[in-house]
């Protein structure tokens, strides 16, 4: 089949080369282009998905035209369906989890209030020490001062009461046990 005076295989191949080049440019310039497309990507326009669709569509169309002797219109529809399926899977299983995982690794220092940690560098009376707070996403080491101006030895459990200027204000944590 010919389209615009060119064999359809040639058009698929040109589309694959152009889609691959645009994808490479988008990868290299993604920070700049992300700001430009930010308004549009909130709707339906996501450059990653569109470039992926074009690349998969052209690659599958080219391969199907070369390997099979089926009608070109049927192969065009099959290529579009394959590209739509793979782009949907890419979005659901890769892009959406990546976007939510990026936000879950961050924390605000105010979120540490009320958490229990362990002193790794002892806290003197009027000085700074360091505490380690363990969590699901990893360990956080932060500078700390004693809220009661009492020394706290290394290895002691602490309770984070307040945060000011990036420094944790802590007190010794003593777990009470109740006998029943």
N, C-alpha and C. Protein backbone atom coordinates (compact mmCIF):
# COMPACT_ATOMS: atom_id res chain seq x y z
N UNK A 1 0.85 -1.18 0.00
CA UNK A 1 0.00 0.00 0.00
C UNK A 1 0.89 1.24 0.00
N UNK A 2 0.45 2.24 -0.72
CA UNK A 2 1.18 3.50 -0.76
C UNK A 2 0.32 4.60 -0.17
N UNK A 3 1.00 5.54 0.51
CA UNK A 3 0.31 6.68 1.10
C UNK A 3 1.18 7.90 0.85
N UNK A 4 0.61 8.94 0.26
CA UNK A 4 1.34 10.16 -0.10
C UNK A 4 2.50 9.86 -1.06
N UNK A 5 2.35 8.80 -1.85
CA UNK A 5 3.38 8.46 -2.83
C UNK A 5 4.53 7.65 -2.26
N UNK A 6 4.46 7.25 -1.00
CA UNK A 6 5.51 6.45 -0.37
C UNK A 6 4.93 5.12 0.10
N UNK A 7 5.73 4.07 0.08
CA UNK A 7 5.25 2.80 0.65
C UNK A 7 4.98 2.98 2.15
N UNK A 8 3.98 2.29 2.65
CA UNK A 8 3.58 2.44 4.06
C UNK A 8 4.70 2.02 5.00
N UNK A 9 5.52 1.04 4.59
CA UNK A 9 6.65 0.62 5.43
C UNK A 9 7.63 1.77 5.63
N UNK A 10 7.84 2.55 4.58
CA UNK A 10 8.75 3.69 4.67
C UNK A 10 8.20 4.75 5.62
N UNK A 11 6.90 4.98 5.56
CA UNK A 11 6.29 5.95 6.47
C UNK A 11 6.38 5.49 7.93
N UNK A 12 6.14 4.19 8.15
CA UNK A 12 6.30 3.66 9.51
C UNK A 12 7.74 3.83 10.00
N UNK A 13 8.70 3.53 9.12
CA UNK A 13 10.11 3.65 9.50
C UNK A 13 10.48 5.10 9.80
N UNK A 14 10.04 6.04 8.96
CA UNK A 14 10.31 7.46 9.22
C UNK A 14 9.64 7.90 10.53
N UNK A 15 8.43 7.43 10.75
CA UNK A 15 7.73 7.77 11.99
C UNK A 15 8.45 7.22 13.21
N UNK A 16 9.01 6.01 13.08
CA UNK A 16 9.77 5.41 14.18
C UNK A 16 11.04 6.21 14.45
N UNK A 17 11.74 6.60 13.42
CA UNK A 17 12.97 7.39 13.59
C UNK A 17 12.66 8.74 14.21
N UNK A 18 11.63 9.41 13.70
CA UNK A 18 11.26 10.73 14.25
C UNK A 18 10.78 10.60 15.69
N UNK A 19 9.96 9.58 15.98
CA UNK A 19 9.48 9.36 17.36
C UNK A 19 10.63 9.06 18.31
N UNK A 20 11.59 8.25 17.85
CA UNK A 20 12.75 7.94 18.68
C UNK A 20 13.60 9.17 18.94
N UNK A 21 13.81 9.99 17.92
CA UNK A 21 14.60 11.23 18.09
C UNK A 21 13.89 12.20 19.03
N UNK A 22 12.58 12.36 18.87
CA UNK A 22 11.83 13.25 19.77
C UNK A 22 11.86 12.74 21.21
N UNK A 23 11.79 11.42 21.37
CA UNK A 23 11.88 10.84 22.72
C UNK A 23 13.24 11.12 23.33
N UNK A 24 14.30 10.96 22.56
CA UNK A 24 15.65 11.25 23.05
C UNK A 24 15.79 12.72 23.44
N UNK A 25 15.28 13.61 22.60
CA UNK A 25 15.32 15.05 22.91
C UNK A 25 14.52 15.34 24.17
N UNK A 26 13.36 14.70 24.30
CA UNK A 26 12.54 14.92 25.50
C UNK A 26 13.25 14.42 26.76
N UNK A 27 13.96 13.30 26.65
CA UNK A 27 14.70 12.79 27.82
C UNK A 27 15.82 13.75 28.20
N UNK A 28 16.54 14.26 27.21
CA UNK A 28 17.65 15.16 27.50
C UNK A 28 17.19 16.53 28.00
N UNK A 29 16.05 16.99 27.55
CA UNK A 29 15.57 18.33 27.90
C UNK A 29 14.32 18.27 28.78
N UNK A 30 14.12 17.16 29.50
CA UNK A 30 12.86 16.96 30.22
C UNK A 30 12.60 18.01 31.29
N UNK A 31 13.64 18.48 31.97
CA UNK A 31 13.42 19.49 33.00
C UNK A 31 12.86 20.78 32.43
N UNK A 32 13.39 21.21 31.30
CA UNK A 32 12.91 22.44 30.67
C UNK A 32 11.52 22.22 30.08
N UNK A 33 11.35 21.11 29.37
CA UNK A 33 10.07 20.85 28.72
C UNK A 33 8.98 20.52 29.73
N UNK A 34 9.33 19.96 30.87
CA UNK A 34 8.34 19.64 31.90
C UNK A 34 7.65 20.90 32.38
N UNK A 35 8.40 21.98 32.51
CA UNK A 35 7.80 23.25 32.92
C UNK A 35 6.87 23.81 31.85
N UNK A 36 7.23 23.62 30.59
CA UNK A 36 6.40 24.11 29.50
C UNK A 36 5.10 23.31 29.41
N UNK A 37 5.20 21.99 29.53
CA UNK A 37 4.04 21.13 29.37
C UNK A 37 3.28 20.90 30.67
N UNK A 38 3.69 21.53 31.76
CA UNK A 38 3.05 21.28 33.06
C UNK A 38 1.56 21.61 33.02
N UNK A 39 1.19 22.71 32.41
CA UNK A 39 -0.21 23.10 32.33
C UNK A 39 -0.99 22.11 31.48
N UNK A 40 -0.40 21.69 30.39
CA UNK A 40 -1.09 20.77 29.49
C UNK A 40 -1.16 19.36 30.03
N UNK A 41 -0.15 18.92 30.82
CA UNK A 41 -0.13 17.55 31.32
C UNK A 41 -1.15 17.33 32.42
N UNK A 42 -1.71 18.41 32.99
CA UNK A 42 -2.76 18.23 33.98
C UNK A 42 -4.04 17.75 33.31
N UNK A 43 -4.19 17.99 32.03
CA UNK A 43 -5.38 17.54 31.32
C UNK A 43 -5.10 16.14 30.76
N UNK A 44 -5.07 16.01 29.46
CA UNK A 44 -4.84 14.71 28.84
C UNK A 44 -3.50 14.64 28.12
N UNK A 45 -2.83 15.76 27.97
CA UNK A 45 -1.62 15.84 27.16
C UNK A 45 -0.40 15.54 28.01
N UNK A 46 0.12 14.35 27.89
CA UNK A 46 1.34 13.96 28.59
C UNK A 46 2.37 13.60 27.51
N UNK A 47 3.44 14.37 27.37
CA UNK A 47 4.41 14.11 26.30
C UNK A 47 5.01 12.70 26.35
N UNK A 48 5.21 12.18 27.53
CA UNK A 48 5.78 10.83 27.65
C UNK A 48 4.85 9.80 27.01
N UNK A 49 3.56 9.91 27.29
CA UNK A 49 2.61 8.96 26.75
C UNK A 49 2.43 9.14 25.24
N UNK A 50 2.41 10.37 24.78
CA UNK A 50 2.22 10.61 23.35
C UNK A 50 3.43 10.12 22.56
N UNK A 51 4.63 10.41 23.04
CA UNK A 51 5.83 9.94 22.33
C UNK A 51 5.93 8.41 22.39
N UNK A 52 5.55 7.83 23.51
CA UNK A 52 5.56 6.37 23.61
C UNK A 52 4.56 5.76 22.64
N UNK A 53 3.36 6.36 22.54
CA UNK A 53 2.36 5.87 21.61
C UNK A 53 2.88 5.92 20.17
N UNK A 54 3.45 7.06 19.78
CA UNK A 54 3.96 7.19 18.41
C UNK A 54 5.06 6.18 18.10
N UNK A 55 5.97 6.00 19.04
CA UNK A 55 7.08 5.08 18.82
C UNK A 55 6.59 3.64 18.73
N UNK A 56 5.72 3.23 19.65
CA UNK A 56 5.21 1.84 19.63
C UNK A 56 4.34 1.61 18.40
N UNK A 57 3.51 2.59 18.06
CA UNK A 57 2.64 2.47 16.88
C UNK A 57 3.47 2.28 15.61
N UNK A 58 4.45 3.12 15.42
CA UNK A 58 5.27 3.02 14.21
C UNK A 58 6.13 1.76 14.20
N UNK A 59 6.67 1.38 15.35
CA UNK A 59 7.50 0.17 15.39
C UNK A 59 6.67 -1.08 15.11
N UNK A 60 5.50 -1.19 15.74
CA UNK A 60 4.67 -2.37 15.49
C UNK A 60 4.13 -2.37 14.07
N UNK A 61 3.75 -1.20 13.56
CA UNK A 61 3.29 -1.13 12.17
C UNK A 61 4.37 -1.55 11.19
N UNK A 62 5.59 -1.09 11.38
CA UNK A 62 6.69 -1.45 10.50
C UNK A 62 6.96 -2.95 10.55
N UNK A 63 7.03 -3.49 11.78
CA UNK A 63 7.33 -4.92 11.91
C UNK A 63 6.21 -5.78 11.33
N UNK A 64 4.95 -5.40 11.58
CA UNK A 64 3.85 -6.18 11.04
C UNK A 64 3.79 -6.11 9.52
N UNK A 65 4.09 -4.95 8.95
CA UNK A 65 4.10 -4.83 7.48
C UNK A 65 5.20 -5.69 6.86
N UNK A 66 6.37 -5.71 7.50
CA UNK A 66 7.49 -6.48 6.97
C UNK A 66 7.27 -7.98 7.14
N UNK A 67 6.72 -8.40 8.30
CA UNK A 67 6.64 -9.83 8.63
C UNK A 67 5.37 -10.52 8.15
N UNK A 68 4.31 -9.78 7.95
CA UNK A 68 3.06 -10.42 7.53
C UNK A 68 2.64 -9.90 6.17
N UNK A 69 1.74 -10.59 5.54
CA UNK A 69 1.22 -10.18 4.25
C UNK A 69 -0.22 -9.71 4.35
N UNK A 70 -0.63 -9.32 5.55
CA UNK A 70 -2.02 -8.92 5.77
C UNK A 70 -2.30 -7.55 5.16
N UNK A 71 -3.58 -7.22 5.11
CA UNK A 71 -4.02 -5.93 4.59
C UNK A 71 -3.46 -4.80 5.46
N UNK A 72 -3.01 -3.74 4.83
CA UNK A 72 -2.37 -2.63 5.56
C UNK A 72 -3.33 -1.91 6.48
N UNK A 73 -4.61 -1.83 6.11
CA UNK A 73 -5.58 -1.17 6.99
C UNK A 73 -5.81 -1.95 8.28
N UNK A 74 -5.82 -3.27 8.17
CA UNK A 74 -5.95 -4.11 9.37
C UNK A 74 -4.72 -3.96 10.25
N UNK A 75 -3.54 -3.93 9.64
CA UNK A 75 -2.31 -3.77 10.40
C UNK A 75 -2.24 -2.40 11.07
N UNK A 76 -2.78 -1.38 10.42
CA UNK A 76 -2.83 -0.04 11.02
C UNK A 76 -3.68 -0.05 12.29
N UNK A 77 -4.83 -0.72 12.23
CA UNK A 77 -5.71 -0.81 13.41
C UNK A 77 -5.05 -1.65 14.50
N UNK A 78 -4.44 -2.76 14.14
CA UNK A 78 -3.76 -3.61 15.12
C UNK A 78 -2.60 -2.85 15.77
N UNK A 79 -1.84 -2.10 14.99
CA UNK A 79 -0.73 -1.31 15.54
C UNK A 79 -1.25 -0.25 16.51
N UNK A 80 -2.34 0.40 16.15
CA UNK A 80 -2.92 1.41 17.05
C UNK A 80 -3.41 0.77 18.35
N UNK A 81 -4.04 -0.39 18.25
CA UNK A 81 -4.52 -1.07 19.46
C UNK A 81 -3.36 -1.54 20.34
N UNK A 82 -2.32 -2.07 19.71
CA UNK A 82 -1.12 -2.49 20.48
C UNK A 82 -0.48 -1.29 21.18
N UNK A 83 -0.34 -0.19 20.46
CA UNK A 83 0.27 1.00 21.05
C UNK A 83 -0.59 1.52 22.20
N UNK A 84 -1.90 1.54 22.02
CA UNK A 84 -2.79 2.00 23.09
C UNK A 84 -2.69 1.09 24.31
N UNK A 85 -2.64 -0.22 24.10
CA UNK A 85 -2.52 -1.17 25.20
C UNK A 85 -1.20 -0.98 25.96
N UNK A 86 -0.09 -0.89 25.25
CA UNK A 86 1.21 -0.74 25.91
C UNK A 86 1.35 0.61 26.61
N UNK A 87 0.82 1.67 26.03
CA UNK A 87 0.89 2.98 26.66
C UNK A 87 0.02 3.01 27.91
N UNK A 88 -1.13 2.36 27.87
CA UNK A 88 -1.98 2.28 29.06
C UNK A 88 -1.27 1.51 30.17
N UNK A 89 -0.64 0.40 29.83
CA UNK A 89 0.11 -0.38 30.82
C UNK A 89 1.29 0.43 31.37
N UNK A 90 1.97 1.17 30.50
CA UNK A 90 3.07 2.02 30.94
C UNK A 90 2.58 3.07 31.93
N UNK A 91 1.47 3.68 31.64
CA UNK A 91 0.93 4.72 32.51
C UNK A 91 0.49 4.14 33.85
N UNK A 92 -0.26 3.04 33.82
CA UNK A 92 -0.82 2.47 35.05
C UNK A 92 0.24 1.85 35.94
N UNK A 93 1.19 1.12 35.34
CA UNK A 93 2.13 0.35 36.15
C UNK A 93 3.49 1.02 36.35
N UNK A 94 3.80 2.08 35.60
CA UNK A 94 5.10 2.73 35.76
C UNK A 94 4.96 4.20 36.15
N UNK A 95 4.29 4.99 35.32
CA UNK A 95 4.27 6.43 35.53
C UNK A 95 3.48 6.85 36.77
N UNK A 96 2.30 6.30 36.97
CA UNK A 96 1.50 6.67 38.15
C UNK A 96 2.19 6.25 39.44
N UNK A 97 2.70 5.00 39.57
CA UNK A 97 3.43 4.67 40.81
C UNK A 97 4.68 5.51 41.02
N UNK A 98 5.39 5.86 39.95
CA UNK A 98 6.58 6.71 40.11
C UNK A 98 6.22 8.10 40.61
N UNK A 99 5.13 8.64 40.11
CA UNK A 99 4.76 9.99 40.55
C UNK A 99 4.32 10.00 42.01
N UNK A 100 3.67 8.94 42.47
CA UNK A 100 3.27 8.91 43.88
C UNK A 100 4.43 8.50 44.78
N UNK A 101 5.37 7.69 44.29
CA UNK A 101 6.52 7.30 45.10
C UNK A 101 7.45 8.47 45.33
N UNK A 102 7.52 9.37 44.38
CA UNK A 102 8.38 10.53 44.52
C UNK A 102 7.94 11.40 45.69
N UNK A 103 6.66 11.53 45.91
CA UNK A 103 6.14 12.35 46.99
C UNK A 103 6.22 11.64 48.34
N UNK A 104 6.16 10.30 48.34
CA UNK A 104 6.12 9.60 49.61
C UNK A 104 7.48 9.55 50.31
N UNK A 105 8.57 9.83 49.61
CA UNK A 105 9.89 9.79 50.22
C UNK A 105 10.25 11.09 50.95
N UNK A 106 9.47 12.11 50.77
CA UNK A 106 9.76 13.37 51.43
C UNK A 106 9.04 13.44 52.76
N UNK A 107 9.56 14.26 53.65
CA UNK A 107 8.92 14.46 54.94
C UNK A 107 9.14 15.90 55.36
N UNK A 108 8.23 16.40 56.14
CA UNK A 108 8.39 17.72 56.73
C UNK A 108 8.94 17.52 58.13
N UNK A 109 9.78 18.43 58.56
CA UNK A 109 10.41 18.27 59.88
C UNK A 109 9.35 18.30 60.99
N UNK A 110 8.22 18.97 60.72
CA UNK A 110 7.13 18.99 61.71
C UNK A 110 6.50 17.60 61.88
N UNK A 111 6.63 16.75 60.85
CA UNK A 111 6.08 15.39 60.94
C UNK A 111 6.83 14.53 61.93
N UNK A 112 8.01 14.95 62.35
CA UNK A 112 8.80 14.15 63.29
C UNK A 112 8.33 14.32 64.73
N UNK A 113 7.53 15.34 65.02
CA UNK A 113 7.05 15.57 66.38
C UNK A 113 6.23 14.36 66.85
N UNK A 114 6.53 13.91 68.06
CA UNK A 114 5.82 12.77 68.64
C UNK A 114 6.46 11.44 68.31
N UNK A 115 7.49 11.41 67.49
CA UNK A 115 8.15 10.16 67.14
C UNK A 115 9.21 9.82 68.18
N UNK A 116 9.54 8.56 68.25
CA UNK A 116 10.54 8.06 69.19
C UNK A 116 11.81 7.75 68.41
N UNK A 117 12.96 8.12 68.97
CA UNK A 117 14.24 7.88 68.33
C UNK A 117 15.26 7.42 69.34
N UNK A 118 16.50 7.33 68.88
CA UNK A 118 17.61 6.89 69.72
C UNK A 118 18.75 7.87 69.57
N UNK A 119 19.37 8.22 70.69
CA UNK A 119 20.50 9.15 70.67
C UNK A 119 21.72 8.41 70.14
N UNK A 120 22.37 8.99 69.11
CA UNK A 120 23.59 8.37 68.59
C UNK A 120 24.83 9.18 68.97
N UNK A 121 24.67 10.46 69.22
CA UNK A 121 25.73 11.30 69.78
C UNK A 121 25.12 11.98 71.00
N UNK A 122 25.70 11.74 72.17
CA UNK A 122 25.08 12.21 73.41
C UNK A 122 24.81 13.71 73.39
N UNK A 123 23.74 14.08 74.07
CA UNK A 123 23.29 15.48 74.10
C UNK A 123 23.73 16.08 75.44
N UNK A 124 24.63 17.08 75.42
CA UNK A 124 25.06 17.70 76.68
C UNK A 124 23.99 18.67 77.22
N UNK A 125 24.26 19.25 78.40
CA UNK A 125 23.29 20.12 79.05
C UNK A 125 22.88 21.29 78.16
N UNK A 126 23.78 22.08 77.69
CA UNK A 126 23.45 23.23 76.85
C UNK A 126 24.07 23.10 75.46
N UNK A 127 24.00 21.91 74.89
CA UNK A 127 24.63 21.70 73.59
C UNK A 127 23.80 20.82 72.68
N UNK A 128 24.42 20.49 71.59
CA UNK A 128 23.75 19.71 70.55
C UNK A 128 24.27 18.28 70.53
N UNK A 129 23.38 17.38 70.21
CA UNK A 129 23.73 15.99 69.96
C UNK A 129 23.05 15.56 68.68
N UNK A 130 23.00 14.25 68.48
CA UNK A 130 22.35 13.76 67.27
C UNK A 130 21.50 12.55 67.62
N UNK A 131 20.32 12.50 66.99
CA UNK A 131 19.40 11.39 67.22
C UNK A 131 19.09 10.71 65.89
N UNK A 132 18.71 9.45 65.98
CA UNK A 132 18.36 8.64 64.82
C UNK A 132 16.91 8.23 64.94
N UNK A 133 16.11 8.58 63.92
CA UNK A 133 14.71 8.22 63.90
C UNK A 133 14.54 7.19 62.80
N UNK A 134 14.03 6.02 63.15
CA UNK A 134 13.82 4.95 62.17
C UNK A 134 12.39 5.01 61.66
N UNK A 135 12.22 4.74 60.38
CA UNK A 135 10.89 4.76 59.79
C UNK A 135 10.81 3.76 58.65
N UNK A 136 9.65 3.71 58.00
CA UNK A 136 9.44 2.78 56.89
C UNK A 136 10.29 3.13 55.68
N UNK A 137 10.53 4.41 55.45
CA UNK A 137 11.27 4.82 54.26
C UNK A 137 12.77 4.96 54.52
N UNK A 138 13.22 4.61 55.72
CA UNK A 138 14.65 4.70 56.03
C UNK A 138 14.89 5.36 57.37
N UNK A 139 16.13 5.65 57.63
CA UNK A 139 16.53 6.28 58.89
C UNK A 139 16.85 7.75 58.65
N UNK A 140 16.53 8.57 59.66
CA UNK A 140 16.80 10.00 59.58
C UNK A 140 17.65 10.37 60.78
N UNK A 141 18.80 10.99 60.54
CA UNK A 141 19.65 11.49 61.62
C UNK A 141 19.52 13.00 61.64
N UNK A 142 19.20 13.56 62.80
CA UNK A 142 18.99 15.00 62.93
C UNK A 142 19.70 15.51 64.19
N UNK A 143 20.05 16.79 64.17
CA UNK A 143 20.61 17.44 65.35
C UNK A 143 19.50 17.62 66.38
N UNK A 144 19.89 17.54 67.67
CA UNK A 144 18.89 17.63 68.72
C UNK A 144 19.47 18.31 69.95
N UNK A 145 18.58 18.96 70.71
CA UNK A 145 18.92 19.53 72.01
C UNK A 145 17.94 18.98 73.02
N UNK A 146 18.35 18.98 74.28
CA UNK A 146 17.49 18.51 75.34
C UNK A 146 16.49 19.60 75.72
N UNK A 147 15.23 19.25 75.77
CA UNK A 147 14.18 20.21 76.10
C UNK A 147 14.28 20.64 77.56
N UNK A 148 14.70 19.71 78.43
CA UNK A 148 14.79 19.98 79.87
C UNK A 148 16.18 20.43 80.31
N UNK A 149 17.09 20.67 79.38
CA UNK A 149 18.48 21.00 79.66
C UNK A 149 19.15 19.98 80.56
N UNK A 150 18.83 18.72 80.32
CA UNK A 150 19.47 17.61 81.03
C UNK A 150 20.31 16.82 80.02
N UNK A 151 21.43 16.29 80.45
CA UNK A 151 22.23 15.49 79.51
C UNK A 151 21.52 14.17 79.19
N UNK A 152 21.62 13.77 77.95
CA UNK A 152 21.04 12.49 77.52
C UNK A 152 22.17 11.69 76.88
N UNK A 153 22.42 10.50 77.40
CA UNK A 153 23.53 9.67 76.96
C UNK A 153 23.22 8.99 75.63
N UNK A 154 24.27 8.64 74.92
CA UNK A 154 24.13 7.89 73.67
C UNK A 154 23.49 6.54 73.96
N UNK A 155 22.60 6.13 73.09
CA UNK A 155 21.90 4.86 73.26
C UNK A 155 20.56 5.00 73.96
N UNK A 156 20.27 6.17 74.51
CA UNK A 156 18.99 6.39 75.20
C UNK A 156 17.88 6.61 74.20
N UNK A 157 16.67 6.19 74.58
CA UNK A 157 15.50 6.46 73.76
C UNK A 157 15.00 7.86 74.07
N UNK A 158 14.54 8.56 73.02
CA UNK A 158 14.06 9.93 73.20
C UNK A 158 12.70 10.07 72.53
N UNK A 159 11.98 11.11 72.97
CA UNK A 159 10.70 11.48 72.36
C UNK A 159 10.86 12.89 71.81
N UNK A 160 10.49 13.09 70.56
CA UNK A 160 10.63 14.39 69.93
C UNK A 160 9.41 15.24 70.30
N UNK A 161 9.66 16.36 70.97
CA UNK A 161 8.59 17.24 71.45
C UNK A 161 8.34 18.38 70.46
N UNK A 162 9.40 19.01 69.97
CA UNK A 162 9.24 20.20 69.15
C UNK A 162 10.39 20.29 68.15
N UNK A 163 10.20 21.11 67.13
CA UNK A 163 11.26 21.38 66.16
C UNK A 163 11.35 22.89 65.97
N UNK A 164 12.57 23.41 66.04
CA UNK A 164 12.80 24.84 65.81
C UNK A 164 14.07 24.99 65.00
N UNK A 165 13.99 25.72 63.91
CA UNK A 165 15.15 26.01 63.05
C UNK A 165 15.88 24.75 62.62
N UNK A 166 15.16 23.68 62.35
CA UNK A 166 15.76 22.44 61.89
C UNK A 166 16.39 21.59 62.97
N UNK A 167 16.22 21.98 64.23
CA UNK A 167 16.79 21.24 65.36
C UNK A 167 15.64 20.62 66.16
N UNK A 168 15.81 19.35 66.51
CA UNK A 168 14.79 18.67 67.29
C UNK A 168 14.97 18.97 68.77
N UNK A 169 13.89 19.25 69.46
CA UNK A 169 13.90 19.42 70.91
C UNK A 169 13.29 18.16 71.49
N UNK A 170 14.11 17.44 72.25
CA UNK A 170 13.75 16.09 72.67
C UNK A 170 13.79 15.98 74.20
N UNK A 171 13.14 14.96 74.69
CA UNK A 171 13.21 14.60 76.09
C UNK A 171 13.41 13.10 76.18
N UNK A 172 13.92 12.66 77.32
CA UNK A 172 14.17 11.23 77.52
C UNK A 172 12.84 10.49 77.49
N UNK A 173 12.80 9.37 76.80
CA UNK A 173 11.58 8.58 76.67
C UNK A 173 11.71 7.37 77.58
N UNK A 174 10.78 7.28 78.50
CA UNK A 174 10.76 6.15 79.42
C UNK A 174 9.44 5.43 79.25
N UNK A 175 9.52 4.23 78.78
CA UNK A 175 8.31 3.46 78.51
C UNK A 175 7.85 2.82 79.82
N UNK A 176 6.59 3.07 80.15
CA UNK A 176 6.04 2.52 81.38
C UNK A 176 5.37 1.19 81.07
N UNK A 177 5.52 0.26 81.99
CA UNK A 177 4.84 -1.03 81.85
C UNK A 177 3.81 -1.14 82.95
N UNK A 178 2.69 -1.64 82.60
CA UNK A 178 1.60 -1.80 83.57
C UNK A 178 1.43 -3.27 83.89
N UNK A 179 1.30 -3.58 85.16
CA UNK A 179 1.06 -4.95 85.57
C UNK A 179 -0.45 -5.15 85.73
N UNK A 180 -0.94 -6.19 85.17
CA UNK A 180 -2.37 -6.46 85.24
C UNK A 180 -2.63 -7.62 86.15
